[in-house]
Protein backbone atom coordinates (compact mmCIF):
# COMPACT_ATOMS: atom_id res chain seq x y z
CA MET A 1 -252.43 -66.51 76.79
CA ALA A 2 -255.68 -67.86 78.14
CA LYS A 3 -258.37 -68.79 75.66
CA GLY A 4 -261.49 -66.73 75.96
CA LYS A 5 -259.67 -63.52 76.87
CA TYR A 6 -261.86 -61.75 74.33
CA LYS A 7 -264.91 -62.27 76.58
CA GLU A 8 -263.76 -59.67 79.11
CA TRP A 9 -263.29 -57.16 76.25
CA LEU A 10 -266.96 -57.55 75.32
CA GLU A 11 -268.00 -56.14 78.70
CA ASP A 12 -269.14 -52.50 78.84
CA ASP A 13 -266.24 -51.24 80.97
CA LYS A 14 -263.66 -52.77 78.62
CA LEU A 15 -265.45 -51.45 75.54
CA ILE A 16 -265.30 -47.98 77.09
CA LEU A 17 -261.56 -48.46 77.55
CA LEU A 18 -261.20 -49.48 73.89
CA ARG A 19 -263.13 -46.37 72.83
CA GLY A 20 -260.88 -44.20 74.98
CA TRP A 21 -257.74 -45.63 73.40
CA ALA A 22 -259.20 -45.14 69.91
CA ARG A 23 -260.25 -41.58 70.79
CA ASN A 24 -256.71 -40.85 71.97
CA GLY A 25 -255.33 -41.88 68.58
CA LEU A 26 -253.78 -45.24 69.44
CA THR A 27 -253.19 -47.56 66.51
CA ASP A 28 -254.54 -51.10 66.45
CA ALA A 29 -251.03 -52.36 67.24
CA GLN A 30 -250.84 -50.12 70.31
CA ILE A 31 -254.33 -51.16 71.43
CA ALA A 32 -253.40 -54.83 71.02
CA HIS A 33 -250.27 -54.23 73.09
CA ASN A 34 -252.36 -52.61 75.84
CA ILE A 35 -254.70 -55.60 75.86
CA GLY A 36 -251.74 -57.98 75.93
CA ILE A 37 -252.41 -59.68 72.60
CA ASN A 38 -250.89 -59.77 69.15
CA VAL A 39 -252.32 -57.29 66.64
CA ALA A 40 -253.39 -60.25 64.45
CA THR A 41 -255.50 -61.46 67.36
CA LEU A 42 -257.13 -58.04 67.61
CA TYR A 43 -257.95 -58.19 63.89
CA THR A 44 -259.52 -61.62 64.45
CA TRP A 45 -261.57 -60.24 67.35
CA LYS A 46 -262.72 -57.30 65.23
CA ASN A 47 -263.86 -59.71 62.51
CA LYS A 48 -265.67 -62.03 64.94
CA TYR A 49 -267.13 -59.59 67.47
CA CYS A 50 -268.98 -56.57 66.15
CA GLU A 51 -268.96 -54.96 69.62
CA ILE A 52 -265.18 -54.66 69.54
CA ASP A 53 -265.10 -53.65 65.89
CA ASN A 54 -267.78 -50.98 66.36
CA ALA A 55 -266.20 -49.60 69.53
CA LEU A 56 -262.96 -48.96 67.67
CA LYS A 57 -264.30 -48.01 64.24
CA GLU A 58 -267.02 -45.61 65.35
CA THR A 59 -264.77 -43.82 67.82
CA LYS A 60 -261.96 -43.43 65.29
CA GLU A 61 -264.41 -42.04 62.72
CA ILE A 62 -265.81 -39.48 65.17
CA VAL A 63 -262.33 -38.27 66.12
CA ASP A 64 -261.26 -38.12 62.46
CA TYR A 65 -264.26 -35.93 61.66
CA GLU A 66 -263.47 -33.66 64.59
CA VAL A 67 -259.89 -33.22 63.39
CA GLU A 68 -261.05 -32.63 59.81
CA ASN A 69 -263.44 -29.97 61.03
CA ALA A 70 -260.73 -28.34 63.13
CA LEU A 71 -258.38 -28.30 60.13
CA TYR A 72 -261.12 -26.81 57.97
CA GLU A 73 -261.91 -24.10 60.53
CA SER A 74 -258.22 -23.36 60.96
CA ALA A 75 -257.74 -23.02 57.21
CA LEU A 76 -260.74 -20.68 56.93
CA SER A 77 -259.48 -18.54 59.78
CA GLY A 78 -256.24 -17.81 57.91
CA ASN A 79 -253.83 -20.51 59.09
CA VAL A 80 -251.61 -20.75 56.00
CA THR A 81 -250.15 -24.12 56.95
CA ALA A 82 -253.64 -25.57 57.28
CA GLN A 83 -254.60 -24.02 53.94
CA ILE A 84 -251.59 -25.53 52.18
CA PHE A 85 -252.19 -28.93 53.76
CA TRP A 86 -255.86 -28.83 52.83
CA LEU A 87 -255.24 -27.83 49.22
CA LYS A 88 -252.41 -30.29 48.62
CA ASN A 89 -254.59 -33.13 49.88
CA ARG A 90 -257.98 -32.07 48.53
CA ARG A 91 -256.78 -30.66 45.20
CA PRO A 92 -253.53 -32.46 44.35
CA ASP A 93 -254.22 -31.93 40.65
CA ARG A 94 -253.64 -28.20 41.18
CA TRP A 95 -251.55 -27.92 44.35
CA ARG A 96 -249.14 -30.85 44.57
CA GLU A 97 -245.44 -30.26 44.35
CA LYS A 98 -243.91 -31.79 41.27
CA ARG A 99 -240.43 -33.19 41.62
CA GLU A 100 -238.19 -33.38 38.59
CA VAL A 101 -234.89 -35.20 38.80
CA GLU A 102 -232.14 -34.39 36.33
CA VAL A 103 -229.31 -36.88 36.00
CA ASN A 104 -226.24 -36.05 33.93
CA PRO A 105 -224.62 -39.32 32.77
CA ASP A 106 -221.22 -37.64 32.47
CA ASP A 107 -221.39 -36.17 35.96
CA LYS A 108 -222.26 -37.95 39.17
CA ALA A 109 -224.28 -34.99 40.39
CA VAL A 110 -228.05 -35.22 40.60
CA ASN A 111 -230.16 -32.07 40.60
CA VAL A 112 -233.62 -32.13 42.14
CA VAL A 113 -235.95 -29.30 41.22
CA ILE A 114 -239.28 -28.86 43.00
CA LEU A 115 -241.80 -27.00 40.91
CA PRO A 116 -245.42 -26.25 41.68
CA GLU A 117 -247.84 -28.05 39.38
CA VAL A 118 -249.35 -25.55 37.00
CA ASP A 119 -252.96 -25.91 35.92
CA LYS A 120 -252.77 -25.18 32.21
CA ASN A 121 -256.56 -24.82 32.03
CA ALA A 122 -256.77 -22.10 34.69
CA ASP A 123 -257.68 -18.60 33.55
């Protein structure tokens, strides 16, 4: 791999390409593969060159916010799956699924019971 390859990725057209890959949800490993470098090299570039780091970080943050907003809107509009996902992640103290494992030493069977977490302080 030629030294100085990073220089071309500091140019505007290559930064736009990086933003597009980040917007499309590619991981750093996939982006590194597309560039033709090792992911460790991409991490080094991100640490050394703020243009590359910002192109990836800012784009990923924008897309994450858009997805969060879409999930929120979907949950508010009655999508039960979105509501469950939202509550389990935002309020795990009240909505996580508790797993209890019972092991009988005399029997080789294992029973797994999934119970909803109960908030003892609610109403």
